[in-house]
PDB file of N, CA and C in Angstrom:
ATOM      1  N   MET A   1       0.728  -1.263   0.393  1.00  0.00           N
ATOM      2  CA  MET A   1       0.019   0.340  -0.194  1.00  0.00           C
ATOM      3  C   MET A   1       0.727   1.075   0.205  1.00  0.00           C
ATOM      4  N   SER A   2       0.438   2.217  -0.510  1.00  0.00           N
ATOM      5  CA  SER A   2       1.592   3.431  -1.044  1.00  0.00           C
ATOM      6  C   SER A   2       1.093   4.529  -0.216  1.00  0.00           C
ATOM      7  N   GLU A   3       2.139   5.557   0.328  1.00  0.00           N
ATOM      8  CA  GLU A   3       1.127   6.733   1.123  1.00  0.00           C
ATOM      9  C   GLU A   3       0.919   7.877  -0.122  1.00  0.00           C
ATOM     10  N   ASN A   4       1.681   7.198  -1.279  1.00  0.00           N
ATOM     11  CA  ASN A   4       1.813   8.495  -2.117  1.00  0.00           C
ATOM     12  C   ASN A   4       0.949   8.523  -3.662  1.00  0.00           C
ATOM     13  N   PHE A   5       0.166   7.302  -3.658  1.00  0.00           N
ATOM     14  CA  PHE A   5      -1.204   7.636  -4.199  1.00  0.00           C
ATOM     15  C   PHE A   5      -1.919   6.199  -4.222  1.00  0.00           C
ATOM     16  N   THR A   6      -3.124   6.198  -4.649  1.00  0.00           N
ATOM     17  CA  THR A   6      -4.130   4.974  -4.674  1.00  0.00           C
ATOM     18  C   THR A   6      -4.100   3.886  -5.595  1.00  0.00           C
ATOM     19  N   VAL A   7      -3.976   3.026  -5.332  1.00  0.00           N
ATOM     20  CA  VAL A   7      -4.683   1.568  -6.610  1.00  0.00           C
ATOM     21  C   VAL A   7      -5.599   0.988  -6.188  1.00  0.00           C
ATOM     22  N   LYS A   8      -6.408   1.229  -7.228  1.00  0.00           N
ATOM     23  CA  LYS A   8      -7.568   0.847  -7.562  1.00  0.00           C
ATOM     24  C   LYS A   8      -7.994  -0.134  -8.745  1.00  0.00           C
ATOM     25  N   SER A   9      -8.328  -1.375  -8.184  1.00  0.00           N
ATOM     26  CA  SER A   9      -8.160  -2.657  -9.006  1.00  0.00           C
ATOM     27  C   SER A   9      -9.235  -2.531  -9.688  1.00  0.00           C
ATOM     28  N   MET A  10      -9.249  -2.832 -10.750  1.00  0.00           N
ATOM     29  CA  MET A  10     -10.173  -2.984 -11.899  1.00  0.00           C
ATOM     30  C   MET A  10     -10.272  -4.824 -12.169  1.00  0.00           C
ATOM     31  N   GLN A  11     -11.470  -5.498 -12.838  1.00  0.00           N
ATOM     32  CA  GLN A  11     -11.466  -6.185 -13.846  1.00  0.00           C
ATOM     33  C   GLN A  11     -10.349  -6.954 -14.500  1.00  0.00           C
ATOM     34  N   VAL A  12      -9.842  -5.690 -15.426  1.00  0.00           N
ATOM     35  CA  VAL A  12      -8.449  -5.915 -15.654  1.00  0.00           C
ATOM     36  C   VAL A  12      -7.562  -4.259 -15.172  1.00  0.00           C
ATOM     37  N   GLY A  13      -6.480  -4.574 -14.919  1.00  0.00           N
ATOM     38  CA  GLY A  13      -5.816  -3.708 -14.397  1.00  0.00           C
ATOM     39  C   GLY A  13      -5.954  -2.812 -12.979  1.00  0.00           C
ATOM     40  N   ALA A  14      -5.301  -1.534 -13.103  1.00  0.00           N
ATOM     41  CA  ALA A  14      -5.474  -1.143 -11.977  1.00  0.00           C
ATOM     42  C   ALA A  14      -5.362   0.722 -12.214  1.00  0.00           C
ATOM     43  N   GLU A  15      -6.639   1.352 -11.748  1.00  0.00           N
ATOM     44  CA  GLU A  15      -6.130   3.033 -11.837  1.00  0.00           C
ATOM     45  C   GLU A  15      -5.579   3.586 -11.061  1.00  0.00           C
ATOM     46  N   ILE A  16      -4.435   4.542 -10.803  1.00  0.00           N
ATOM     47  CA  ILE A  16      -3.705   5.116  -9.984  1.00  0.00           C
ATOM     48  C   ILE A  16      -4.800   6.312  -9.815  1.00  0.00           C
ATOM     49  N   VAL A  17      -4.167   6.421  -8.878  1.00  0.00           N
ATOM     50  CA  VAL A  17      -5.254   7.789  -7.965  1.00  0.00           C
ATOM     51  C   VAL A  17      -4.706   8.941  -7.256  1.00  0.00           C
ATOM     52  N   GLY A  18      -4.748   9.962  -7.247  1.00  0.00           N
ATOM     53  CA  GLY A  18      -3.866  11.276  -6.687  1.00  0.00           C
ATOM     54  C   GLY A  18      -2.036  11.137  -6.608  1.00  0.00           C
ATOM     55  N   LEU A  19      -1.975  10.753  -7.775  1.00  0.00           N
ATOM     56  CA  LEU A  19      -0.403  10.642  -8.157  1.00  0.00           C
ATOM     57  C   LEU A  19       0.006  12.293  -7.496  1.00  0.00           C
ATOM     58  N   SER A  20       0.631  12.537  -6.893  1.00  0.00           N
ATOM     59  CA  SER A  20       0.999  14.044  -7.146  1.00  0.00           C
ATOM     60  C   SER A  20       2.085  14.669  -8.064  1.00  0.00           C
ATOM     61  N   GLU A  21       1.714  16.023  -8.183  1.00  0.00           N
ATOM     62  CA  GLU A  21       2.761  16.548  -9.381  1.00  0.00           C
ATOM     63  C   GLU A  21       3.720  16.443  -9.164  1.00  0.00           C
ATOM     64  N   GLY A  22       4.642  15.652  -9.801  1.00  0.00           N
ATOM     65  CA  GLY A  22       5.807  15.863  -9.324  1.00  0.00           C
ATOM     66  C   GLY A  22       6.226  14.473  -8.487  1.00  0.00           C
ATOM     67  N   ALA A  23       5.700  13.400  -8.152  1.00  0.00           N
ATOM     68  CA  ALA A  23       5.825  12.301  -7.375  1.00  0.00           C
ATOM     69  C   ALA A  23       6.370  11.642  -8.010  1.00  0.00           C
ATOM     70  N   GLU A  24       6.373  11.368  -9.548  1.00  0.00           N
ATOM     71  CA  GLU A  24       7.012  10.226 -10.374  1.00  0.00           C
ATOM     72  C   GLU A  24       8.718  10.702  -9.819  1.00  0.00           C
ATOM     73  N   SER A  25       9.206  11.518  -9.920  1.00  0.00           N
ATOM     74  CA  SER A  25      10.526  11.975  -9.474  1.00  0.00           C
ATOM     75  C   SER A  25      11.215  11.417  -8.638  1.00  0.00           C
ATOM     76  N   ASP A  26      10.004  11.065  -7.404  1.00  0.00           N
ATOM     77  CA  ASP A  26      10.802  10.322  -5.987  1.00  0.00           C
ATOM     78  C   ASP A  26      11.085   8.557  -6.598  1.00  0.00           C
ATOM     79  N   PRO A  27      12.188   8.026  -6.462  1.00  0.00           N
ATOM     80  CA  PRO A  27      12.070   7.508  -6.345  1.00  0.00           C
ATOM     81  C   PRO A  27      11.784   5.987  -6.000  1.00  0.00           C
ATOM     82  N   GLU A  28      11.227   6.606  -4.465  1.00  0.00           N
ATOM     83  CA  GLU A  28      10.249   5.495  -3.828  1.00  0.00           C
ATOM     84  C   GLU A  28       8.776   5.246  -4.679  1.00  0.00           C
ATOM     85  N   VAL A  29       8.494   6.350  -5.336  1.00  0.00           N
ATOM     86  CA  VAL A  29       7.242   6.353  -5.797  1.00  0.00           C
ATOM     87  C   VAL A  29       7.681   5.600  -7.110  1.00  0.00           C
ATOM     88  N   LYS A  30       8.787   5.512  -7.878  1.00  0.00           N
ATOM     89  CA  LYS A  30       9.033   5.386  -8.962  1.00  0.00           C
ATOM     90  C   LYS A  30       9.027   3.431  -8.543  1.00  0.00           C
ATOM     91  N   ALA A  31       9.466   3.105  -7.409  1.00  0.00           N
ATOM     92  CA  ALA A  31       9.381   2.119  -6.795  1.00  0.00           C
ATOM     93  C   ALA A  31       8.187   1.123  -7.147  1.00  0.00           C
ATOM     94  N   GLU A  32       7.343   2.307  -6.091  1.00  0.00           N
ATOM     95  CA  GLU A  32       5.507   1.679  -6.228  1.00  0.00           C
ATOM     96  C   GLU A  32       5.132   1.157  -6.816  1.00  0.00           C
ATOM     97  N   LEU A  33       5.355   2.632  -8.338  1.00  0.00           N
ATOM     98  CA  LEU A  33       4.341   2.619  -9.417  1.00  0.00           C
ATOM     99  C   LEU A  33       4.900   1.008 -10.603  1.00  0.00           C
ATOM    100  N   TYR A  34       6.080   1.225 -10.090  1.00  0.00           N
ATOM    101  CA  TYR A  34       6.764  -0.189 -11.007  1.00  0.00           C
ATOM    102  C   TYR A  34       6.043  -1.414 -10.169  1.00  0.00           C
ATOM    103  N   ALA A  35       6.033  -1.567  -9.175  1.00  0.00           N
ATOM    104  CA  ALA A  35       5.795  -2.904  -8.449  1.00  0.00           C
ATOM    105  C   ALA A  35       4.094  -3.083  -8.906  1.00  0.00           C
ATOM    106  N   ALA A  36       3.373  -2.085  -9.057  1.00  0.00           N
ATOM    107  CA  ALA A  36       2.082  -1.814  -9.206  1.00  0.00           C
ATOM    108  C   ALA A  36       1.657  -2.257 -10.749  1.00  0.00           C
ATOM    109  N   TRP A  37       2.654  -2.002 -11.608  1.00  0.00           N
ATOM    110  CA  TRP A  37       2.319  -2.774 -12.662  1.00  0.00           C
ATOM    111  C   TRP A  37       2.722  -4.109 -13.039  1.00  0.00           C
ATOM    112  N   LEU A  38       3.514  -4.472 -12.109  1.00  0.00           N
ATOM    113  CA  LEU A  38       4.150  -5.940 -12.010  1.00  0.00           C
ATOM    114  C   LEU A  38       2.917  -6.501 -11.421  1.00  0.00           C
ATOM    115  N   LYS A  39       2.378  -6.049 -10.849  1.00  0.00           N
ATOM    116  CA  LYS A  39       0.902  -6.672  -9.820  1.00  0.00           C
ATOM    117  C   LYS A  39      -0.516  -6.818 -10.816  1.00  0.00           C
ATOM    118  N   HIS A  40      -0.576  -5.746 -11.528  1.00  0.00           N
ATOM    119  CA  HIS A  40      -1.721  -5.482 -12.417  1.00  0.00           C
ATOM    120  C   HIS A  40      -1.727  -5.550 -13.722  1.00  0.00           C
ATOM    121  N   GLY A  41      -0.567  -5.479 -14.474  1.00  0.00           N
ATOM    122  CA  GLY A  41      -0.490  -5.550 -15.921  1.00  0.00           C
ATOM    123  C   GLY A  41      -0.597  -4.427 -16.308  1.00  0.00           C
ATOM    124  N   VAL A  42      -1.788  -3.792 -16.184  1.00  0.00           N
ATOM    125  CA  VAL A  42      -1.535  -2.785 -17.071  1.00  0.00           C
ATOM    126  C   VAL A  42      -2.766  -1.478 -15.816  1.00  0.00           C
ATOM    127  N   LEU A  43      -1.860  -0.217 -16.128  1.00  0.00           N
ATOM    128  CA  LEU A  43      -2.155   1.131 -15.294  1.00  0.00           C
ATOM    129  C   LEU A  43      -2.401   1.998 -16.200  1.00  0.00           C
ATOM    130  N   ILE A  44      -3.723   2.610 -15.553  1.00  0.00           N
ATOM    131  CA  ILE A  44      -4.818   3.419 -16.035  1.00  0.00           C
ATOM    132  C   ILE A  44      -4.356   5.072 -15.265  1.00  0.00           C
ATOM    133  N   PHE A  45      -3.990   5.645 -15.590  1.00  0.00           N
ATOM    134  CA  PHE A  45      -3.135   6.993 -15.478  1.00  0.00           C
ATOM    135  C   PHE A  45      -4.492   8.065 -15.472  1.00  0.00           C
ATOM    136  N   LYS A  46      -5.616   8.502 -14.936  1.00  0.00           N
ATOM    137  CA  LYS A  46      -6.594   9.581 -15.419  1.00  0.00           C
ATOM    138  C   LYS A  46      -6.179  11.255 -15.382  1.00  0.00           C
ATOM    139  N   ASP A  47      -6.557  12.255 -16.011  1.00  0.00           N
ATOM    140  CA  ASP A  47      -5.999  13.235 -15.422  1.00  0.00           C
ATOM    141  C   ASP A  47      -4.348  13.596 -15.752  1.00  0.00           C
ATOM    142  N   ILE A  48      -3.954  12.974 -16.793  1.00  0.00           N
ATOM    143  CA  ILE A  48      -2.784  13.321 -17.048  1.00  0.00           C
ATOM    144  C   ILE A  48      -2.669  14.538 -17.909  1.00  0.00           C
ATOM    145  N   ASN A  49      -2.879  15.943 -17.814  1.00  0.00           N
ATOM    146  CA  ASN A  49      -3.016  16.430 -18.929  1.00  0.00           C
ATOM    147  C   ASN A  49      -2.124  17.360 -19.982  1.00  0.00           C
ATOM    148  N   SER A  50      -0.729  16.370 -19.422  1.00  0.00           N
ATOM    149  CA  SER A  50       0.411  17.246 -20.104  1.00  0.00           C
ATOM    150  C   SER A  50       1.137  16.560 -20.850  1.00  0.00           C
ATOM    151  N   THR A  51       1.836  16.144 -21.956  1.00  0.00           N
ATOM    152  CA  THR A  51       2.741  15.501 -22.504  1.00  0.00           C
ATOM    153  C   THR A  51       3.876  15.002 -21.867  1.00  0.00           C
ATOM    154  N   GLU A  52       4.126  16.393 -21.065  1.00  0.00           N
ATOM    155  CA  GLU A  52       5.774  16.165 -20.147  1.00  0.00           C
ATOM    156  C   GLU A  52       5.139  15.337 -18.924  1.00  0.00           C
ATOM    157  N   LYS A  53       4.065  15.093 -18.472  1.00  0.00           N
ATOM    158  CA  LYS A  53       3.931  14.931 -17.189  1.00  0.00           C
ATOM    159  C   LYS A  53       2.967  12.908 -17.664  1.00  0.00           C
ATOM    160  N   HIS A  54       3.258  12.762 -19.173  1.00  0.00           N
ATOM    161  CA  HIS A  54       2.917  11.540 -19.741  1.00  0.00           C
ATOM    162  C   HIS A  54       4.324  10.623 -19.837  1.00  0.00           C
ATOM    163  N   LEU A  55       4.932  11.335 -20.190  1.00  0.00           N
ATOM    164  CA  LEU A  55       6.705  11.280 -20.529  1.00  0.00           C
ATOM    165  C   LEU A  55       7.174  10.680 -19.499  1.00  0.00           C
ATOM    166  N   ALA A  56       7.273  11.715 -18.309  1.00  0.00           N
ATOM    167  CA  ALA A  56       8.030  11.545 -16.966  1.00  0.00           C
ATOM    168  C   ALA A  56       7.300  10.057 -16.321  1.00  0.00           C
ATOM    169  N   ILE A  57       6.235   9.600 -16.305  1.00  0.00           N
ATOM    170  CA  ILE A  57       5.376   8.425 -15.967  1.00  0.00           C
ATOM    171  C   ILE A  57       6.111   7.379 -16.691  1.00  0.00           C
ATOM    172  N   SER A  58       6.145   7.730 -17.610  1.00  0.00           N
ATOM    173  CA  SER A  58       6.645   6.615 -18.426  1.00  0.00           C
ATOM    174  C   SER A  58       7.462   6.264 -18.310  1.00  0.00           C
ATOM    175  N   ARG A  59       8.751   7.148 -18.004  1.00  0.00           N
ATOM    176  CA  ARG A  59      10.254   6.859 -17.693  1.00  0.00           C
ATOM    177  C   ARG A  59      10.162   6.065 -16.263  1.00  0.00           C
ATOM    178  N   CYS A  60       8.934   6.141 -15.257  1.00  0.00           N
ATOM    179  CA  CYS A  60       9.175   5.118 -14.379  1.00  0.00           C
ATOM    180  C   CYS A  60       9.299   3.618 -14.694  1.00  0.00           C
ATOM    181  N   PHE A  61       8.880   3.176 -16.133  1.00  0.00           N
ATOM    182  CA  PHE A  61       9.048   1.553 -16.244  1.00  0.00           C
ATOM    183  C   PHE A  61       9.778   1.257 -17.132  1.00  0.00           C
ATOM    184  N   GLY A  62      10.977   2.335 -17.284  1.00  0.00           N
ATOM    185  CA  GLY A  62      12.220   2.172 -18.183  1.00  0.00           C
ATOM    186  C   GLY A  62      12.681   3.051 -19.440  1.00  0.00           C
ATOM    187  N   GLU A  63      13.682   3.043 -19.900  1.00  0.00           N
ATOM    188  CA  GLU A  63      14.112   3.838 -21.167  1.00  0.00           C
ATOM    189  C   GLU A  63      12.921   3.814 -21.816  1.00  0.00           C
ATOM    190  N   LEU A  64      12.667   5.205 -22.487  1.00  0.00           N
ATOM    191  CA  LEU A  64      11.810   5.483 -23.733  1.00  0.00           C
ATOM    192  C   LEU A  64      12.742   5.372 -25.099  1.00  0.00           C
ATOM    193  N   GLU A  65      12.107   4.564 -25.806  1.00  0.00           N
ATOM    194  CA  GLU A  65      13.033   4.625 -27.179  1.00  0.00           C
ATOM    195  C   GLU A  65      12.183   5.333 -28.223  1.00  0.00           C
ATOM    196  N   ILE A  66      12.603   5.794 -28.889  1.00  0.00           N
ATOM    197  CA  ILE A  66      11.687   6.219 -30.398  1.00  0.00           C
ATOM    198  C   ILE A  66      11.155   5.067 -31.660  1.00  0.00           C
ATOM    199  N   HIS A  67       9.621   4.956 -31.514  1.00  0.00           N
ATOM    200  CA  HIS A  67       9.239   4.189 -32.585  1.00  0.00           C
ATOM    201  C   HIS A  67       9.996   4.339 -33.784  1.00  0.00           C
ATOM    202  N   PRO A  68      10.394   2.536 -34.123  1.00  0.00           N
ATOM    203  CA  PRO A  68      10.610   2.804 -35.500  1.00  0.00           C
ATOM    204  C   PRO A  68      10.234   2.664 -36.823  1.00  0.00           C
ATOM    205  N   PHE A  69       8.827   2.703 -36.944  1.00  0.00           N
ATOM    206  CA  PHE A  69       8.339   3.705 -37.984  1.00  0.00           C
ATOM    207  C   PHE A  69       8.121   5.348 -37.930  1.00  0.00           C
ATOM    208  N   PRO A  70       8.847   5.646 -38.410  1.00  0.00           N
ATOM    209  CA  PRO A  70       9.092   7.440 -38.500  1.00  0.00           C
ATOM    210  C   PRO A  70       7.459   8.224 -38.862  1.00  0.00           C
ATOM    211  N   PRO A  71       6.649   7.595 -39.582  1.00  0.00           N
ATOM    212  CA  PRO A  71       5.604   8.285 -40.299  1.00  0.00           C
ATOM    213  C   PRO A  71       4.367   8.223 -38.774  1.00  0.00           C
ATOM    214  N   ALA A  72       4.746   7.179 -38.025  1.00  0.00           N
ATOM    215  CA  ALA A  72       3.751   6.820 -36.978  1.00  0.00           C
ATOM    216  C   ALA A  72       4.137   8.137 -35.619  1.00  0.00           C
ATOM    217  N   ARG A  73       5.494   8.374 -35.808  1.00  0.00           N
ATOM    218  CA  ARG A  73       5.862   9.416 -34.857  1.00  0.00           C
ATOM    219  C   ARG A  73       5.070  10.843 -34.478  1.00  0.00           C
ATOM    220  N   SER A  74       4.610  11.333 -33.402  1.00  0.00           N
ATOM    221  CA  SER A  74       4.235  12.495 -33.282  1.00  0.00           C
ATOM    222  C   SER A  74       5.013  13.673 -33.986  1.00  0.00           C
ATOM    223  N   ARG A  75       4.767  14.815 -34.571  1.00  0.00           N
ATOM    224  CA  ARG A  75       5.281  15.656 -35.036  1.00  0.00           C
ATOM    225  C   ARG A  75       6.179  16.531 -34.153  1.00  0.00           C
ATOM    226  N   GLU A  76       5.685  16.647 -33.342  1.00  0.00           N
ATOM    227  CA  GLU A  76       5.546  17.558 -31.760  1.00  0.00           C
ATOM    228  C   GLU A  76       6.702  16.561 -30.596  1.00  0.00           C
ATOM    229  N   HIS A  77       6.077  15.611 -30.408  1.00  0.00           N
ATOM    230  CA  HIS A  77       7.083  14.543 -29.630  1.00  0.00           C
ATOM    231  C   HIS A  77       7.293  13.897 -30.352  1.00  0.00           C
ATOM    232  N   PRO A  78       8.493  13.612 -30.588  1.00  0.00           N
ATOM    233  CA  PRO A  78       8.706  11.705 -31.341  1.00  0.00           C
ATOM    234  C   PRO A  78       8.752  10.815 -30.500  1.00  0.00           C
ATOM    235  N   LEU A  79       8.629  10.830 -29.348  1.00  0.00           N
ATOM    236  CA  LEU A  79       8.845   9.664 -27.840  1.00  0.00           C
ATOM    237  C   LEU A  79       7.557   9.371 -28.368  1.00  0.00           C
ATOM    238  N   LEU A  80       6.608   9.683 -28.796  1.00  0.00           N
ATOM    239  CA  LEU A  80       5.000   9.462 -28.678  1.00  0.00           C
ATOM    240  C   LEU A  80       4.635   8.831 -30.056  1.00  0.00           C
ATOM    241  N   ILE A  81       3.501   8.189 -30.154  1.00  0.00           N
ATOM    242  CA  ILE A  81       2.981   7.935 -31.805  1.00  0.00           C
ATOM    243  C   ILE A  81       1.804   8.397 -31.708  1.00  0.00           C
ATOM    244  N   GLU A  82       1.231   8.801 -32.851  1.00  0.00           N
ATOM    245  CA  GLU A  82      -0.157   9.373 -32.836  1.00  0.00           C
ATOM    246  C   GLU A  82      -1.012   8.232 -33.732  1.00  0.00           C
ATOM    247  N   ILE A  83      -1.820   7.431 -32.678  1.00  0.00           N
ATOM    248  CA  ILE A  83      -3.043   6.653 -33.718  1.00  0.00           C
ATOM    249  C   ILE A  83      -4.052   7.174 -33.737  1.00  0.00           C
ATOM    250  N   GLY A  84      -4.722   8.287 -33.459  1.00  0.00           N
ATOM    251  CA  GLY A  84      -5.467   9.190 -33.563  1.00  0.00           C
ATOM    252  C   GLY A  84      -5.457  10.378 -34.411  1.00  0.00           C
ATOM    253  N   GLY A  85      -6.691  11.251 -34.335  1.00  0.00           N
ATOM    254  CA  GLY A  85      -6.532  12.523 -34.469  1.00  0.00           C
ATOM    255  C   GLY A  85      -5.466  12.896 -35.807  1.00  0.00           C
ATOM    256  N   ASP A  86      -4.916  13.937 -36.274  1.00  0.00           N
ATOM    257  CA  ASP A  86      -4.791  14.379 -37.811  1.00  0.00           C
ATOM    258  C   ASP A  86      -3.528  13.255 -38.234  1.00  0.00           C
ATOM    259  N   ASN A  87      -2.499  12.382 -37.764  1.00  0.00           N
ATOM    260  CA  ASN A  87      -1.921  11.862 -37.848  1.00  0.00           C
ATOM    261  C   ASN A  87      -2.420  10.212 -38.419  1.00  0.00           C
ATOM    262  N   ARG A  88      -3.540  10.106 -37.710  1.00  0.00           N
ATOM    263  CA  ARG A  88      -4.109   8.642 -38.216  1.00  0.00           C
ATOM    264  C   ARG A  88      -4.140   7.636 -39.486  1.00  0.00           C
ATOM    265  N   ASN A  89      -3.951   8.547 -40.568  1.00  0.00           N
ATOM    266  CA  ASN A  89      -4.047   7.994 -41.452  1.00  0.00           C
ATOM    267  C   ASN A  89      -2.260   7.783 -41.944  1.00  0.00           C
ATOM    268  N   GLN A  90      -1.075   8.476 -41.538  1.00  0.00           N
ATOM    269  CA  GLN A  90       0.181   8.284 -41.521  1.00  0.00           C
ATOM    270  C   GLN A  90       0.491   6.719 -40.476  1.00  0.00           C
ATOM    271  N   ALA A  91      -0.405   6.059 -39.925  1.00  0.00           N
ATOM    272  CA  ALA A  91      -0.418   4.602 -39.014  1.00  0.00           C
ATOM    273  C   ALA A  91      -0.439   3.688 -40.411  1.00  0.00           C
ATOM    274  N   TYR A  92      -0.573   3.778 -41.917  1.00  0.00           N
ATOM    275  CA  TYR A  92      -1.218   2.891 -42.835  1.00  0.00           C
ATOM    276  C   TYR A  92       0.237   2.553 -43.172  1.00  0.00           C
ATOM    277  N   VAL A  93       0.611   1.021 -43.730  1.00  0.00           N
ATOM    278  CA  VAL A  93       1.455   1.221 -44.206  1.00  0.00           C
ATOM    279  C   VAL A  93       1.879   0.863 -45.890  1.00  0.00           C
ATOM    280  N   TYR A  94       2.475   2.279 -46.153  1.00  0.00           N
ATOM    281  CA  TYR A  94       2.568   2.222 -48.021  1.00  0.00           C
ATOM    282  C   TYR A  94       3.779   1.428 -48.359  1.00  0.00           C
ATOM    283  N   ASP A  95       3.770   1.173 -49.372  1.00  0.00           N
ATOM    284  CA  ASP A  95       5.155   1.024 -50.034  1.00  0.00           C
ATOM    285  C   ASP A  95       5.386   1.775 -51.681  1.00  0.00           C
ATOM    286  N   GLU A  96       6.001   3.317 -51.686  1.00  0.00           N
ATOM    287  CA  GLU A  96       5.816   3.872 -52.361  1.00  0.00           C
ATOM    288  C   GLU A  96       3.962   4.616 -52.441  1.00  0.00           C
ATOM    289  N   SER A  97       3.667   4.219 -53.124  1.00  0.00           N
ATOM    290  CA  SER A  97       2.133   5.280 -53.324  1.00  0.00           C
ATOM    291  C   SER A  97       0.943   4.073 -53.277  1.00  0.00           C
ATOM    292  N   ASP A  98       1.113   2.823 -52.991  1.00  0.00           N
ATOM    293  CA  ASP A  98       0.431   1.738 -52.974  1.00  0.00           C
ATOM    294  C   ASP A  98       0.105   1.300 -51.349  1.00  0.00           C
ATOM    295  N   LEU A  99      -0.898   0.914 -51.517  1.00  0.00           N
ATOM    296  CA  LEU A  99      -1.240   0.724 -49.581  1.00  0.00           C
ATOM    297  C   LEU A  99      -1.193  -0.814 -49.632  1.00  0.00           C
ATOM    298  N   ARG A 100      -0.089  -1.008 -48.542  1.00  0.00           N
ATOM    299  CA  ARG A 100       0.457  -2.690 -48.265  1.00  0.00           C
ATOM    300  C   ARG A 100      -0.672  -2.984 -47.375  1.00  0.00           C
ATOM    301  N   VAL A 101      -0.651  -2.449 -45.948  1.00  0.00           N
ATOM    302  CA  VAL A 101      -1.536  -3.076 -45.239  1.00  0.00           C
ATOM    303  C   VAL A 101      -2.379  -1.778 -44.874  1.00  0.00           C
ATOM    304  N   ASN A 102      -3.902  -2.171 -44.411  1.00  0.00           N
ATOM    305  CA  ASN A 102      -5.203  -1.220 -44.604  1.00  0.00           C
ATOM    306  C   ASN A 102      -4.755  -0.789 -42.969  1.00  0.00           C
ATOM    307  N   ARG A 103      -4.359  -1.562 -41.920  1.00  0.00           N
ATOM    308  CA  ARG A 103      -4.459  -1.597 -40.847  1.00  0.00           C
ATOM    309  C   ARG A 103      -3.188  -1.937 -40.157  1.00  0.00           C
ATOM    310  N   ILE A 104      -2.361  -1.913 -38.981  1.00  0.00           N
ATOM    311  CA  ILE A 104      -1.297  -2.446 -38.644  1.00  0.00           C
ATOM    312  C   ILE A 104      -2.103  -3.216 -37.560  1.00  0.00           C
ATOM    313  N   ALA A 105      -2.274  -4.659 -37.574  1.00  0.00           N
ATOM    314  CA  ALA A 105      -2.384  -5.735 -36.527  1.00  0.00           C
ATOM    315  C   ALA A 105      -1.981  -5.799 -35.301  1.00  0.00           C
ATOM    316  N   TRP A 106      -2.509  -5.965 -34.314  1.00  0.00           N
ATOM    317  CA  TRP A 106      -2.114  -5.999 -32.903  1.00  0.00           C
ATOM    318  C   TRP A 106      -0.661  -6.840 -32.713  1.00  0.00           C
ATOM    319  N   HIS A 107       0.374  -6.390 -32.265  1.00  0.00           N
ATOM    320  CA  HIS A 107       1.811  -6.598 -32.296  1.00  0.00           C
ATOM    321  C   HIS A 107       2.405  -5.837 -31.029  1.00  0.00           C
ATOM    322  N   ARG A 108       3.531  -6.094 -31.132  1.00  0.00           N
ATOM    323  CA  ARG A 108       4.448  -5.578 -29.784  1.00  0.00           C
ATOM    324  C   ARG A 108       5.906  -5.016 -30.372  1.00  0.00           C
ATOM    325  N   ASP A 109       5.587  -3.937 -30.377  1.00  0.00           N
ATOM    326  CA  ASP A 109       6.392  -2.765 -31.333  1.00  0.00           C
ATOM    327  C   ASP A 109       7.758  -3.185 -30.147  1.00  0.00           C
ATOM    328  N   THR A 110       8.538  -3.009 -31.083  1.00  0.00           N
ATOM    329  CA  THR A 110      10.312  -3.237 -30.883  1.00  0.00           C
ATOM    330  C   THR A 110      10.222  -4.461 -29.866  1.00  0.00           C
ATOM    331  N   ALA A 111       9.953  -5.878 -30.363  1.00  0.00           N
ATOM    332  CA  ALA A 111       9.937  -7.191 -29.992  1.00  0.00           C
ATOM    333  C   ALA A 111      11.716  -7.604 -30.349  1.00  0.00           C
ATOM    334  N   TYR A 112      11.575  -6.939 -31.408  1.00  0.00           N
ATOM    335  CA  TYR A 112      13.170  -7.535 -31.459  1.00  0.00           C
ATOM    336  C   TYR A 112      14.012  -7.075 -30.438  1.00  0.00           C
ATOM    337  N   THR A 113      14.136  -6.650 -29.847  1.00  0.00           N
ATOM    338  CA  THR A 113      14.892  -5.285 -29.057  1.00  0.00           C
ATOM    339  C   THR A 113      15.428  -6.259 -27.878  1.00  0.00           C
ATOM    340  N   PRO A 114      16.737  -6.470 -27.544  1.00  0.00           N
ATOM    341  CA  PRO A 114      16.913  -7.257 -26.512  1.00  0.00           C
ATOM    342  C   PRO A 114      16.725  -6.910 -24.932  1.00  0.00           C
ATOM    343  N   ASP A 115      15.457  -5.856 -25.024  1.00  0.00           N
ATOM    344  CA  ASP A 115      15.708  -5.269 -23.786  1.00  0.00           C
ATOM    345  C   ASP A 115      13.841  -5.501 -23.480  1.00  0.00           C
ATOM    346  N   ILE A 116      13.230  -6.152 -24.539  1.00  0.00           N
ATOM    347  CA  ILE A 116      11.931  -6.566 -24.341  1.00  0.00           C
ATOM    348  C   ILE A 116      11.252  -6.666 -22.612  1.00  0.00           C
ATOM    349  N   CYS A 117      10.238  -5.873 -22.247  1.00  0.00           N
ATOM    350  CA  CYS A 117       9.878  -6.869 -21.220  1.00  0.00           C
ATOM    351  C   CYS A 117       9.027  -8.011 -21.435  1.00  0.00           C
TER     352      CYS A 117
END
């Protein structure tokens, strides 16, 4: 049980509630978040209102990597990918101008890397 935030168990995963601003930089909080992730498999963080906060929380779970498929990367934040909004059509796979894959099926990005979780 953490004094730094509340973990609300759900049918799948858990919701993290009450994480104080900047708390994710505390090594104790990082360890608690990591332990919650290992226990629940999926963590939901609601009300994360900035990209910087999103990235800071993401770093609690390991080093971030730039996605290997450049068209999917966010223009403003290359550590993120866009799967909707203005960039949604970029997620399709093209060979020159011919559409090769209508959508990318479920997969694990960077599964070929040595640091796979």
